Amino acid sequence: MATASAVIVAGGSGSRFRSETPKQFLALSGKPLLAHSLARFDACAAVSRIVLVLPRDGFAAARETMERFVGDKPTDIVPGGATRQASVREGLSALDPGTESLIAVHDGARPLVDEELITRVVEKAAESGGAIAAIPVVETLKEVSEAMTIEGTVERKRYYRAQTPQCFRYGILREAIDAARRDGFVGTDEAALVERLDATIHVVVGSERNIKITTPEDMARAEYYLMTPPSVSSRG
């Protein structure tokens, strides 16, 4: 089985959540939201090591909170940067693997990722050098003008919504992050950085349960999923 080091990114402030407490530390079924993400990667056989990236502001207190939830796998806890991209770079700096080693980056605000999806992404990245979880768009997509009038209907079958984990060979990801920093480019995910290198990135079909928590409504949905067997809920 292919294995990867995981970088779980939780360095943001969660300003869109409208809470004084960063969303990754809010309680979800009795423990911090981030602890659920950490537990999923600790339990996954395809993950050999974990780097947990926490907010730089209040880092000592955040680290103390999360140390209680560290499992059996070797785990480093490091402060992040001003952006997600900078936080991933800080996470990579805690590792010193070979260029062919695999790095799986995961958004700490996706607490419901399952071990099977993590494994599939890692295995596909081991074959090709890069892979991400994503789910197909099922709604009809409209191209809209600045005046909010419809200009056309987009063929949805070629469109997917990106999720994490996103897994790449260390050398590819490091080069992509360094190039983006040099060029002043900021991407919304790791794939956006790697795409600039003209590298091939494969898509692994993810899960509708693998939601990103951005609003209080998402927390309620996550609570529901945690109480509901996967077979009952829709999956990607």
Protein backbone atom coordinates (compact mmCIF):
# COMPACT_ATOMS: atom_id res chain seq x y z
CA MET A 1 0.00 0.00 0.00
CA ALA A 2 1.20 3.48 -0.87
CA THR A 3 1.56 5.85 2.09
CA ALA A 4 1.73 9.62 2.43
CA SER A 5 2.56 12.24 5.00
CA ALA A 6 -0.50 14.36 5.72
CA VAL A 7 -0.54 18.13 6.16
CA ILE A 8 -3.81 19.14 7.82
CA VAL A 9 -4.29 22.87 7.37
CA ALA A 10 -6.24 24.73 10.05
CA GLY A 11 -4.39 28.03 10.23
CA GLY A 12 -7.26 30.37 9.35
CA SER A 13 -9.44 32.55 11.53
CA GLY A 14 -12.77 31.32 10.14
CA SER A 15 -14.07 34.89 9.81
CA ARG A 16 -17.02 33.82 7.62
CA PHE A 17 -18.33 31.70 10.47
CA ARG A 18 -19.25 34.78 12.52
CA SER A 19 -17.72 33.43 15.72
CA GLU A 20 -15.07 34.80 18.08
CA THR A 21 -13.65 31.29 18.33
CA PRO A 22 -12.02 30.00 15.13
CA LYS A 23 -14.41 27.43 13.69
CA GLN A 24 -11.83 24.61 13.78
CA PHE A 25 -11.97 24.71 17.60
CA LEU A 26 -15.75 24.85 17.97
CA ALA A 27 -17.37 21.77 19.51
CA LEU A 28 -18.68 19.14 17.11
CA SER A 29 -20.21 16.12 18.86
CA GLY A 30 -18.27 16.86 22.03
CA LYS A 31 -14.80 17.67 20.71
CA PRO A 32 -13.16 20.32 18.52
CA LEU A 33 -14.14 20.14 14.86
CA LEU A 34 -10.45 19.81 13.96
CA ALA A 35 -10.06 16.79 16.24
CA HIS A 36 -12.42 14.84 13.95
CA SER A 37 -10.23 15.57 10.91
CA LEU A 38 -7.12 14.61 12.86
CA ALA A 39 -8.68 11.33 14.00
CA ARG A 40 -9.61 10.31 10.44
CA PHE A 41 -6.01 10.65 9.26
CA ASP A 42 -4.58 9.02 12.37
CA ALA A 43 -6.79 5.98 11.74
CA CYS A 44 -5.91 5.70 8.03
CA ALA A 45 -3.30 3.09 7.14
CA ALA A 46 -2.33 5.09 4.04
CA VAL A 47 -1.01 7.91 6.25
CA SER A 48 2.39 7.50 7.89
CA ARG A 49 2.88 10.90 9.53
CA ILE A 50 0.82 14.02 10.24
CA VAL A 51 1.66 17.71 10.35
CA LEU A 52 -1.07 19.82 11.91
CA VAL A 53 -0.94 23.52 10.98
CA LEU A 54 -2.62 25.84 13.48
CA PRO A 55 -3.21 29.63 13.56
CA ARG A 56 -0.11 31.65 14.36
CA ASP A 57 -2.12 33.99 16.59
CA GLY A 58 -2.78 32.14 19.81
CA PHE A 59 -0.64 29.22 18.66
CA ALA A 60 0.47 28.07 22.12
CA ALA A 61 -3.09 27.75 23.41
CA ALA A 62 -4.28 26.09 20.19
CA ARG A 63 -1.43 23.57 20.34
CA GLU A 64 -2.25 22.78 23.97
CA THR A 65 -5.87 22.14 22.98
CA MET A 66 -5.00 19.85 20.09
CA GLU A 67 -2.21 17.89 21.78
CA ARG A 68 -4.90 16.05 23.75
CA PHE A 69 -6.27 14.62 20.51
CA VAL A 70 -3.02 13.47 18.93
CA GLY A 71 -3.12 9.73 18.27
CA ASP A 72 -0.48 7.08 17.76
CA LYS A 73 1.03 8.37 14.53
CA PRO A 74 4.06 10.71 14.58
CA THR A 75 2.48 14.18 14.62
CA ASP A 76 4.05 17.63 14.42
CA ILE A 77 2.11 20.78 15.29
CA VAL A 78 3.33 23.99 13.67
CA PRO A 79 2.11 27.59 13.27
CA GLY A 80 0.65 28.58 9.92
CA GLY A 81 0.96 31.62 7.69
CA ALA A 82 -1.20 34.53 6.61
CA THR A 83 -2.91 32.50 3.85
CA ARG A 84 -3.81 28.88 3.30
CA GLN A 85 -1.02 28.66 0.74
CA ALA A 86 1.48 30.01 3.26
CA SER A 87 0.19 27.56 5.86
CA VAL A 88 0.74 24.62 3.51
CA ARG A 89 4.28 25.87 2.95
CA GLU A 90 4.85 25.97 6.71
CA GLY A 91 3.52 22.43 6.98
CA LEU A 92 5.86 21.20 4.26
CA SER A 93 8.78 22.86 6.04
CA ALA A 94 8.24 20.47 8.95
CA LEU A 95 8.90 17.55 6.60
CA ASP A 96 12.10 16.47 4.89
CA PRO A 97 11.05 13.66 2.55
CA GLY A 98 12.47 12.66 -0.80
CA THR A 99 11.06 14.29 -3.92
CA GLU A 100 9.03 11.15 -4.73
CA SER A 101 7.42 10.98 -1.29
CA LEU A 102 3.69 11.67 -1.20
CA ILE A 103 2.09 14.60 0.63
CA ALA A 104 -1.67 14.63 1.25
CA VAL A 105 -3.00 18.10 2.08
CA HIS A 106 -6.35 18.28 3.84
CA ASP A 107 -8.53 21.15 4.97
CA GLY A 108 -9.01 20.84 8.72
CA ALA A 109 -12.54 22.18 8.27
CA ARG A 110 -13.56 18.96 6.49
CA PRO A 111 -14.10 16.72 9.54
CA LEU A 112 -16.09 13.98 7.80
CA VAL A 113 -13.54 12.70 5.32
CA ASP A 114 -13.34 8.90 5.56
CA GLU A 115 -10.34 6.59 5.53
CA GLU A 116 -11.41 4.94 2.29
CA LEU A 117 -11.38 8.24 0.39
CA ILE A 118 -8.01 9.22 1.83
CA THR A 119 -6.59 5.87 0.73
CA ARG A 120 -7.99 6.13 -2.81
CA VAL A 121 -6.52 9.60 -3.28
CA VAL A 122 -3.11 8.52 -1.98
CA GLU A 123 -3.05 5.42 -4.18
CA LYS A 124 -3.98 7.38 -7.31
CA ALA A 125 -1.31 9.98 -6.55
CA ALA A 126 1.24 7.17 -6.13
CA GLU A 127 0.41 6.03 -9.67
CA SER A 128 0.38 9.40 -11.39
CA GLY A 129 2.10 11.98 -9.20
CA GLY A 130 -1.03 13.93 -8.27
CA ALA A 131 -4.68 13.35 -7.38
CA ILE A 132 -7.51 15.19 -5.66
CA ALA A 133 -10.92 14.30 -4.31
CA ALA A 134 -13.79 15.99 -6.16
CA ILE A 135 -17.47 15.42 -6.81
CA PRO A 136 -19.39 15.97 -10.05
CA VAL A 137 -21.64 18.99 -10.41
CA VAL A 138 -25.26 17.82 -10.59
CA GLU A 139 -27.03 21.17 -10.85
CA THR A 140 -27.54 22.94 -14.17
CA LEU A 141 -24.82 25.58 -14.60
CA LYS A 142 -25.57 28.98 -16.12
CA GLU A 143 -23.04 31.47 -17.41
CA VAL A 144 -24.20 34.88 -16.19
CA SER A 145 -23.22 38.41 -17.21
CA GLU A 146 -22.25 41.22 -14.84
CA ALA A 147 -25.81 42.50 -15.31
CA MET A 148 -27.08 39.14 -14.00
CA THR A 149 -28.56 37.96 -17.27
CA ILE A 150 -28.03 34.43 -18.57
CA GLU A 151 -25.56 34.15 -21.41
CA GLY A 152 -25.64 30.40 -21.79
CA THR A 153 -25.83 26.96 -20.21
CA VAL A 154 -22.56 25.28 -19.34
CA GLU A 155 -22.08 21.57 -20.10
CA ARG A 156 -21.91 20.26 -16.54
CA LYS A 157 -20.59 16.75 -17.20
CA ARG A 158 -17.02 18.05 -17.36
CA TYR A 159 -17.22 20.02 -14.11
CA TYR A 160 -16.35 18.80 -10.62
CA ARG A 161 -16.30 20.50 -7.22
CA ALA A 162 -12.87 20.18 -5.65
CA GLN A 163 -12.50 18.71 -2.17
CA THR A 164 -9.56 17.57 -0.08
CA PRO A 165 -7.43 15.57 0.44
CA GLN A 166 -5.24 16.61 -2.45
CA CYS A 167 -2.13 14.49 -2.77
CA PHE A 168 1.07 15.10 -4.76
CA ARG A 169 4.64 13.97 -4.87
CA TYR A 170 6.65 16.21 -2.58
CA GLY A 171 8.89 17.50 -5.37
CA ILE A 172 5.91 18.58 -7.50
CA LEU A 173 4.09 20.29 -4.65
CA ARG A 174 7.20 22.05 -3.37
CA GLU A 175 8.02 23.34 -6.85
CA ALA A 176 4.43 24.54 -7.35
CA ILE A 177 4.34 26.41 -4.03
CA ASP A 178 7.76 28.00 -4.58
CA ALA A 179 6.79 29.08 -8.11
CA ALA A 180 3.53 30.60 -6.88
CA ARG A 181 5.34 32.51 -4.14
CA ARG A 182 7.90 33.79 -6.62
CA ASP A 183 5.22 34.88 -9.09
CA GLY A 184 2.89 36.40 -6.51
CA PHE A 185 0.17 33.92 -7.44
CA VAL A 186 -2.39 32.84 -4.84
CA GLY A 187 -4.49 29.75 -5.58
CA THR A 188 -7.61 28.54 -3.84
CA ASP A 189 -6.25 25.00 -3.48
CA GLU A 190 -3.07 23.01 -4.06
CA ALA A 191 -4.27 21.73 -7.43
CA ALA A 192 -4.48 25.32 -8.70
CA LEU A 193 -0.77 25.71 -7.95
CA VAL A 194 0.25 22.40 -9.50
CA GLU A 195 -1.83 23.10 -12.62
CA ARG A 196 0.54 25.98 -13.39
CA LEU A 197 3.35 23.45 -13.85
CA ASP A 198 1.39 21.66 -16.59
CA ALA A 199 1.35 18.54 -14.44
CA THR A 200 -1.30 15.83 -14.78
CA ILE A 201 -3.70 15.69 -11.85
CA HIS A 202 -6.23 12.88 -11.56
CA VAL A 203 -9.66 13.20 -9.98
CA VAL A 204 -10.91 10.65 -7.47
CA VAL A 205 -14.66 10.81 -6.91
CA GLY A 206 -15.22 12.09 -3.40
CA SER A 207 -18.21 12.10 -1.08
CA GLU A 208 -21.13 14.45 -0.46
CA ARG A 209 -20.46 13.90 3.24
CA ASN A 210 -16.97 15.38 2.93
CA ILE A 211 -18.29 18.90 3.44
CA LYS A 212 -16.27 21.98 4.32
CA ILE A 213 -17.58 23.75 7.41
CA THR A 214 -18.02 27.44 6.59
CA THR A 215 -21.33 28.39 8.25
CA PRO A 216 -23.31 27.43 11.37
CA GLU A 217 -25.69 25.57 9.06
CA ASP A 218 -22.78 23.38 7.95
CA MET A 219 -22.10 22.48 11.58
CA ALA A 220 -25.68 21.29 11.97
CA ARG A 221 -25.31 19.21 8.81
CA ALA A 222 -22.07 17.70 10.10
CA GLU A 223 -23.73 16.80 13.41
CA TYR A 224 -26.44 15.02 11.45
CA TYR A 225 -23.94 13.10 9.34
CA LEU A 226 -22.02 12.00 12.42
CA MET A 227 -25.22 10.45 13.79
CA THR A 228 -26.23 8.89 10.44
CA PRO A 229 -24.58 5.82 8.85
CA PRO A 230 -22.99 6.63 5.47
CA SER A 231 -25.26 4.16 3.70
CA VAL A 232 -28.29 6.26 4.66
CA SER A 233 -26.85 9.57 3.44
CA SER A 234 -26.07 10.48 -0.16
CA ARG A 235 -22.50 9.95 -1.27
CA GLY A 236 -20.49 11.06 -4.26
